[in-house]
Amino acid sequence: MYRNVQKILFSVFLFCTFHALSAQDLSINPTLISQYKNAADEFLGYDSFGYSYQITNNVFSKIKGKEIFEYKNVSLGKITKVDLQNPLKIVLFYEDFNSVVLLDNQLNKMTEINFSQNAAPIVVSAIGMSTQNQLWIYNTLNQQIGLFDYLKNEYKTVSIPLTEPIQYYQTDFNTFYWIDKKNNGYSCDIFGKITSLGSIEDFDKIVIISPSQYLFSKNRLLYFKGINKSNPEVISEIKILEKTFDNFYYKDQILSIFTTTDISNYKIVTP
C-alpha cells in the first residue's frame, strides 16, 4: 500500500515537472528587424506598399520616406477609428458626429457619410470596410450588426440583436469579430452567421489574427494564444525587448511595438 502511494506521488511529480518544463519552452522569441523614432500621438500600422499611418494632433497622415500625405477634418471632431484594409479606400470614423469619411490613396476625400441623416435611423459605434462597396456597421439603436452600401446609401441588418455590450471589435472584408464585456469572443460573416470563438483571456490590448489565434497584452507583457485549441490553457509569452509599450500591431508575421518614443518591428512566427 505504501509503495503504491509512493508510485502515485512520483507519477504526479513527474507529470507536474514535465508540464512546468514544457510551459517554460512555450515562449516565442521574435527577431528584431528595424527600429526608429516615433513622434506620432498614435501609430496605426503599415500597408503592403510600405507606407506608415499615424495620427498627430488629430491629423491623419501617410508617410513613406519623404512622401507625406495628410488629412484633417476639424468639423467632425476626434478620429475614433481608422480602417486600413484597403489602402485605396481608407475609412476614418468620427463617432462623436456619427460620421465616416472615405479617403483615396493620396488621402483625398472620396465620400463623407453622416449616418444621422440616413432614412432608417443608425447610430454607429463600430465600423469597418467590407466587400462590394459596403461597410460593416454596429447599430446601437437595435444592437445589431449590419452592412451599409456607401454607393447606394442603403443599409441592411444581418445579425440578431447582441445580448452583451461590445468591449472590442475588429473587422476584415468578410468578417466582423467582437469580444463582449464578459470576454466571450464571436464572429459574424456577411450572411449573418454568428460563430463563438470561446472565452478570451483578460487583456489590455488585443489583435485577432484569425478565428483560431490572437495576440494580447496584459500587465506590460505580450502573449500569443489559440482559440478553441485542444489545450486552451497553453499561452505563449512573446519575448520582446521593450519593458513597457503603448500598443502593438500585427500583419503578415510582422509585429510592431509602439512606445512613446520608438517603433520596433519584429519578425515573428506563431505556433
Protein backbone atom coordinates (compact mmCIF):
# COMPACT_ATOMS: atom_id res chain seq x y z
CA MET A 1 0.00 0.00 0.00
CA TYR A 2 2.78 2.42 0.98
CA ARG A 3 4.70 1.60 -2.21
CA ASN A 4 1.60 2.22 -4.31
CA VAL A 5 1.16 5.64 -2.75
CA GLN A 6 4.83 6.39 -3.43
CA LYS A 7 4.40 5.40 -7.07
CA ILE A 8 1.33 7.61 -7.44
CA LEU A 9 3.07 10.60 -5.84
CA PHE A 10 6.14 10.07 -8.00
CA SER A 11 3.97 9.92 -11.14
CA VAL A 12 2.21 13.15 -10.16
CA PHE A 13 5.59 14.76 -9.54
CA LEU A 14 6.86 13.72 -12.98
CA PHE A 15 3.66 14.94 -14.62
CA CYS A 16 3.86 18.38 -12.96
CA THR A 17 7.59 18.68 -13.67
CA PHE A 18 7.12 17.80 -17.32
CA HIS A 19 4.35 20.34 -17.80
CA ALA A 20 6.28 23.02 -15.92
CA LEU A 21 9.26 22.46 -18.18
CA SER A 22 7.03 22.42 -21.24
CA ALA A 23 5.45 25.72 -20.20
CA GLN A 24 8.91 27.27 -19.94
CA ASP A 25 9.59 26.28 -23.55
CA LEU A 26 6.41 27.86 -24.90
CA SER A 27 7.81 31.38 -25.18
CA ILE A 28 8.17 32.97 -28.62
CA ASN A 29 11.37 34.84 -29.44
CA PRO A 30 10.76 37.22 -32.36
CA THR A 31 13.65 38.72 -34.36
CA LEU A 32 14.11 42.50 -34.25
CA ILE A 33 14.39 43.72 -37.87
CA SER A 34 14.11 47.52 -37.53
CA GLN A 35 13.66 50.32 -35.03
CA TYR A 36 13.14 54.04 -35.42
CA LYS A 37 11.86 57.09 -33.59
CA ASN A 38 8.15 57.73 -33.18
CA ALA A 39 6.80 61.25 -32.85
CA ALA A 40 3.13 60.45 -33.53
CA ASP A 41 0.37 60.53 -30.94
CA GLU A 42 -0.97 57.25 -32.29
CA PHE A 43 0.76 54.92 -34.72
CA LEU A 44 -1.72 52.85 -36.76
CA GLY A 45 0.35 50.48 -38.88
CA TYR A 46 1.59 49.84 -42.39
CA ASP A 47 0.19 48.89 -45.78
CA SER A 48 1.61 46.46 -48.35
CA PHE A 49 3.19 49.37 -50.26
CA GLY A 50 5.46 50.33 -47.35
CA TYR A 51 3.55 53.42 -46.19
CA SER A 52 3.06 54.03 -42.48
CA TYR A 53 -0.04 55.63 -40.99
CA GLN A 54 -0.37 57.72 -37.86
CA ILE A 55 -2.38 60.42 -36.08
CA THR A 56 -0.81 63.54 -34.57
CA ASN A 57 -2.92 66.39 -33.17
CA ASN A 58 -5.96 64.71 -34.78
CA VAL A 59 -4.32 64.96 -38.22
CA PHE A 60 -4.25 61.65 -40.11
CA SER A 61 -1.08 61.13 -42.15
CA LYS A 62 0.51 58.65 -44.53
CA ILE A 63 4.30 58.61 -44.82
CA LYS A 64 6.94 56.81 -46.87
CA GLY A 65 10.42 58.35 -46.93
CA LYS A 66 9.94 61.97 -48.00
CA GLU A 67 6.38 61.38 -49.22
CA ILE A 68 3.82 62.77 -46.80
CA PHE A 69 0.05 62.92 -47.25
CA GLU A 70 -2.26 64.43 -44.64
CA TYR A 71 -5.97 64.73 -43.95
CA LYS A 72 -7.80 66.66 -41.26
CA ASN A 73 -11.45 67.48 -40.70
CA VAL A 74 -11.92 69.85 -37.79
CA SER A 75 -15.71 69.91 -38.15
CA LEU A 76 -16.08 66.21 -37.30
CA GLY A 77 -14.07 66.23 -34.08
CA LYS A 78 -11.73 63.46 -32.97
CA ILE A 79 -10.89 60.45 -35.16
CA THR A 80 -12.24 57.39 -33.34
CA LYS A 81 -11.17 54.54 -35.62
CA VAL A 82 -9.17 54.03 -38.83
CA ASP A 83 -9.55 51.04 -41.17
CA LEU A 84 -6.50 50.46 -43.40
CA GLN A 85 -7.56 47.18 -45.02
CA ASN A 86 -7.87 48.79 -48.45
CA PRO A 87 -5.15 51.46 -48.97
CA LEU A 88 -7.19 52.79 -51.90
CA LYS A 89 -10.27 53.30 -49.69
CA ILE A 90 -9.29 54.22 -46.15
CA VAL A 91 -12.06 54.52 -43.57
CA LEU A 92 -11.98 57.27 -40.92
CA PHE A 93 -14.69 57.02 -38.27
CA TYR A 94 -15.81 60.05 -36.23
CA GLU A 95 -18.07 58.57 -33.57
CA ASP A 96 -18.99 61.85 -31.85
CA PHE A 97 -20.61 63.06 -35.08
CA ASN A 98 -21.92 59.64 -36.19
CA SER A 99 -19.96 60.05 -39.42
CA VAL A 100 -17.41 58.33 -41.62
CA VAL A 101 -15.04 59.62 -44.30
CA LEU A 102 -13.56 57.51 -47.10
CA LEU A 103 -10.17 58.61 -48.44
CA ASP A 104 -8.25 57.62 -51.58
CA ASN A 105 -4.58 56.61 -51.63
CA GLN A 106 -3.46 60.26 -51.51
CA LEU A 107 -5.83 60.99 -48.61
CA ASN A 108 -8.27 62.98 -50.73
CA LYS A 109 -11.86 62.75 -49.51
CA MET A 110 -13.94 60.46 -51.69
CA THR A 111 -17.11 60.20 -49.61
CA GLU A 112 -18.45 61.62 -46.35
CA ILE A 113 -21.43 59.92 -44.71
CA ASN A 114 -23.47 61.28 -41.83
CA PHE A 115 -25.49 58.32 -40.55
CA SER A 116 -27.81 60.64 -38.62
CA GLN A 117 -29.19 61.76 -41.98
CA ASN A 118 -29.96 58.22 -43.14
CA ALA A 119 -33.61 57.37 -43.92
CA ALA A 120 -33.51 54.49 -41.43
CA PRO A 121 -32.11 55.56 -38.02
CA ILE A 122 -28.50 54.42 -37.46
CA VAL A 123 -26.24 55.24 -34.52
CA VAL A 124 -22.83 53.73 -35.22
CA SER A 125 -20.45 52.58 -32.51
CA ALA A 126 -18.36 50.17 -34.66
CA ILE A 127 -17.42 50.30 -38.32
CA GLY A 128 -15.07 48.68 -40.85
CA MET A 129 -14.58 48.06 -44.55
CA SER A 130 -16.42 45.06 -46.01
CA THR A 131 -16.91 43.71 -49.55
CA GLN A 132 -18.77 45.09 -52.58
CA ASN A 133 -18.79 48.77 -51.62
CA GLN A 134 -20.11 48.00 -48.16
CA LEU A 135 -19.18 48.98 -44.62
CA TRP A 136 -19.62 46.87 -41.52
CA ILE A 137 -21.87 48.69 -39.06
CA TYR A 138 -22.83 48.03 -35.46
CA ASN A 139 -26.04 49.96 -34.86
CA THR A 140 -26.53 50.70 -31.18
CA LEU A 141 -30.21 51.52 -31.72
CA ASN A 142 -31.10 47.89 -32.41
CA GLN A 143 -27.85 46.33 -31.13
CA GLN A 144 -27.38 44.54 -34.44
CA ILE A 145 -24.56 44.17 -36.96
CA GLY A 146 -25.36 45.36 -40.46
CA LEU A 147 -23.89 46.30 -43.84
CA PHE A 148 -24.08 49.78 -45.36
CA ASP A 149 -23.68 50.22 -49.14
CA TYR A 150 -21.99 53.62 -49.38
CA LEU A 151 -22.63 53.94 -53.14
CA LYS A 152 -26.36 53.16 -52.97
CA ASN A 153 -26.76 54.66 -49.48
CA GLU A 154 -28.56 51.51 -48.38
CA TYR A 155 -28.40 49.73 -45.03
CA LYS A 156 -29.36 46.18 -44.14
CA THR A 157 -29.21 44.31 -40.84
CA VAL A 158 -27.51 40.91 -40.95
CA SER A 159 -27.29 39.70 -37.32
CA ILE A 160 -29.68 39.06 -34.49
CA PRO A 161 -29.53 41.56 -31.58
CA LEU A 162 -26.42 41.14 -29.40
CA THR A 163 -27.17 40.44 -25.75
CA GLU A 164 -23.95 41.87 -24.28
CA PRO A 165 -22.13 45.18 -24.92
CA ILE A 166 -19.05 45.12 -27.17
CA GLN A 167 -15.74 45.94 -25.47
CA TYR A 168 -13.54 45.28 -28.54
CA TYR A 169 -14.17 44.76 -32.24
CA GLN A 170 -12.15 44.12 -35.37
CA THR A 171 -13.16 43.55 -39.00
CA ASP A 172 -11.90 42.13 -42.26
CA PHE A 173 -13.73 42.18 -45.59
CA ASN A 174 -15.82 39.10 -44.80
CA THR A 175 -15.98 39.00 -41.01
CA PHE A 176 -16.96 41.18 -38.04
CA TYR A 177 -15.17 39.99 -34.87
CA TRP A 178 -16.04 41.18 -31.39
CA ILE A 179 -15.42 40.48 -27.71
CA ASP A 180 -18.20 41.27 -25.28
CA LYS A 181 -17.98 42.61 -21.73
CA LYS A 182 -17.88 39.05 -20.38
CA ASN A 183 -14.76 38.32 -22.51
CA ASN A 184 -16.60 35.99 -24.88
CA GLY A 185 -15.43 36.18 -28.48
CA TYR A 186 -17.62 35.91 -31.59
CA SER A 187 -17.52 36.37 -35.35
CA CYS A 188 -20.26 37.26 -37.81
CA ASP A 189 -19.97 36.70 -41.58
CA ILE A 190 -21.62 38.80 -44.29
CA PHE A 191 -24.63 36.45 -44.28
CA GLY A 192 -25.22 36.97 -40.57
CA LYS A 193 -23.90 33.62 -39.32
CA ILE A 194 -22.52 34.07 -35.79
CA THR A 195 -19.78 31.73 -34.54
CA SER A 196 -18.46 31.54 -30.99
CA LEU A 197 -14.69 31.95 -30.55
CA GLY A 198 -14.84 30.86 -26.93
CA SER A 199 -13.68 32.62 -23.79
CA ILE A 200 -10.94 35.21 -24.36
CA GLU A 201 -8.14 35.89 -21.88
CA ASP A 202 -8.34 39.12 -19.90
CA PHE A 203 -6.44 41.75 -21.89
CA ASP A 204 -5.29 45.34 -22.00
CA LYS A 205 -4.84 45.32 -25.81
CA ILE A 206 -5.68 42.59 -28.31
CA VAL A 207 -5.33 41.76 -32.02
CA ILE A 208 -7.26 38.87 -33.55
CA ILE A 209 -5.07 37.12 -36.13
CA SER A 210 -7.66 34.59 -37.26
CA PRO A 211 -10.70 32.77 -35.83
CA SER A 212 -8.25 30.44 -34.05
CA GLN A 213 -5.41 32.78 -32.95
CA TYR A 214 -4.90 36.09 -31.20
CA LEU A 215 -2.21 38.25 -29.62
CA PHE A 216 -2.89 40.15 -26.42
CA SER A 217 -1.09 42.25 -23.85
CA LYS A 218 -1.64 42.21 -20.10
CA ASN A 219 0.37 43.94 -17.36
CA ARG A 220 3.08 45.09 -19.80
CA LEU A 221 3.64 41.60 -21.21
CA LEU A 222 2.71 40.30 -24.66
CA TYR A 223 1.23 36.86 -25.35
CA PHE A 224 0.03 34.56 -28.12
CA LYS A 225 -2.91 32.21 -27.66
CA GLY A 226 -5.04 29.95 -29.83
CA ILE A 227 -8.82 29.96 -29.66
CA ASN A 228 -10.65 26.66 -29.22
CA LYS A 229 -7.45 24.63 -29.38
CA SER A 230 -7.19 21.13 -27.89
CA ASN A 231 -5.28 22.59 -24.92
CA PRO A 232 -6.76 26.06 -24.35
CA GLU A 233 -4.64 26.70 -21.25
CA VAL A 234 -1.39 26.96 -23.20
CA ILE A 235 -0.28 30.60 -23.57
CA SER A 236 3.00 31.66 -25.18
CA GLU A 237 4.74 34.78 -23.93
CA ILE A 238 6.32 36.85 -26.71
CA LYS A 239 9.77 37.95 -25.58
CA ILE A 240 10.18 41.50 -26.86
CA LEU A 241 12.92 43.91 -25.77
CA GLU A 242 10.56 46.66 -24.60
CA LYS A 243 9.77 46.69 -20.89
CA THR A 244 6.71 48.85 -21.48
CA PHE A 245 4.77 49.85 -24.60
CA ASP A 246 1.65 51.76 -25.62
CA ASN A 247 0.29 49.49 -28.31
CA PHE A 248 1.19 46.83 -30.87
CA TYR A 249 0.26 45.92 -34.45
CA TYR A 250 0.47 42.64 -36.34
CA LYS A 251 0.33 41.90 -40.06
CA ASP A 252 1.89 39.19 -42.24
CA GLN A 253 4.23 37.88 -39.49
CA ILE A 254 5.49 41.38 -38.67
CA LEU A 255 4.90 42.52 -35.09
CA SER A 256 5.24 46.25 -34.47
CA ILE A 257 5.65 47.59 -30.93
CA PHE A 258 4.83 51.24 -30.29
CA THR A 259 6.26 53.19 -27.37
CA THR A 260 6.10 56.93 -26.70
CA THR A 261 9.47 57.37 -28.42
CA ASP A 262 10.10 54.41 -30.72
CA ILE A 263 8.63 51.88 -33.14
CA SER A 264 10.20 48.42 -33.18
CA ASN A 265 9.42 45.87 -35.88
CA TYR A 266 9.90 42.16 -35.24
CA LYS A 267 9.67 39.12 -37.46
CA ILE A 268 7.50 36.61 -35.61
CA VAL A 269 6.50 33.04 -36.29
CA THR A 270 3.45 31.94 -34.31
CA PRO A 271 2.80 28.29 -33.42
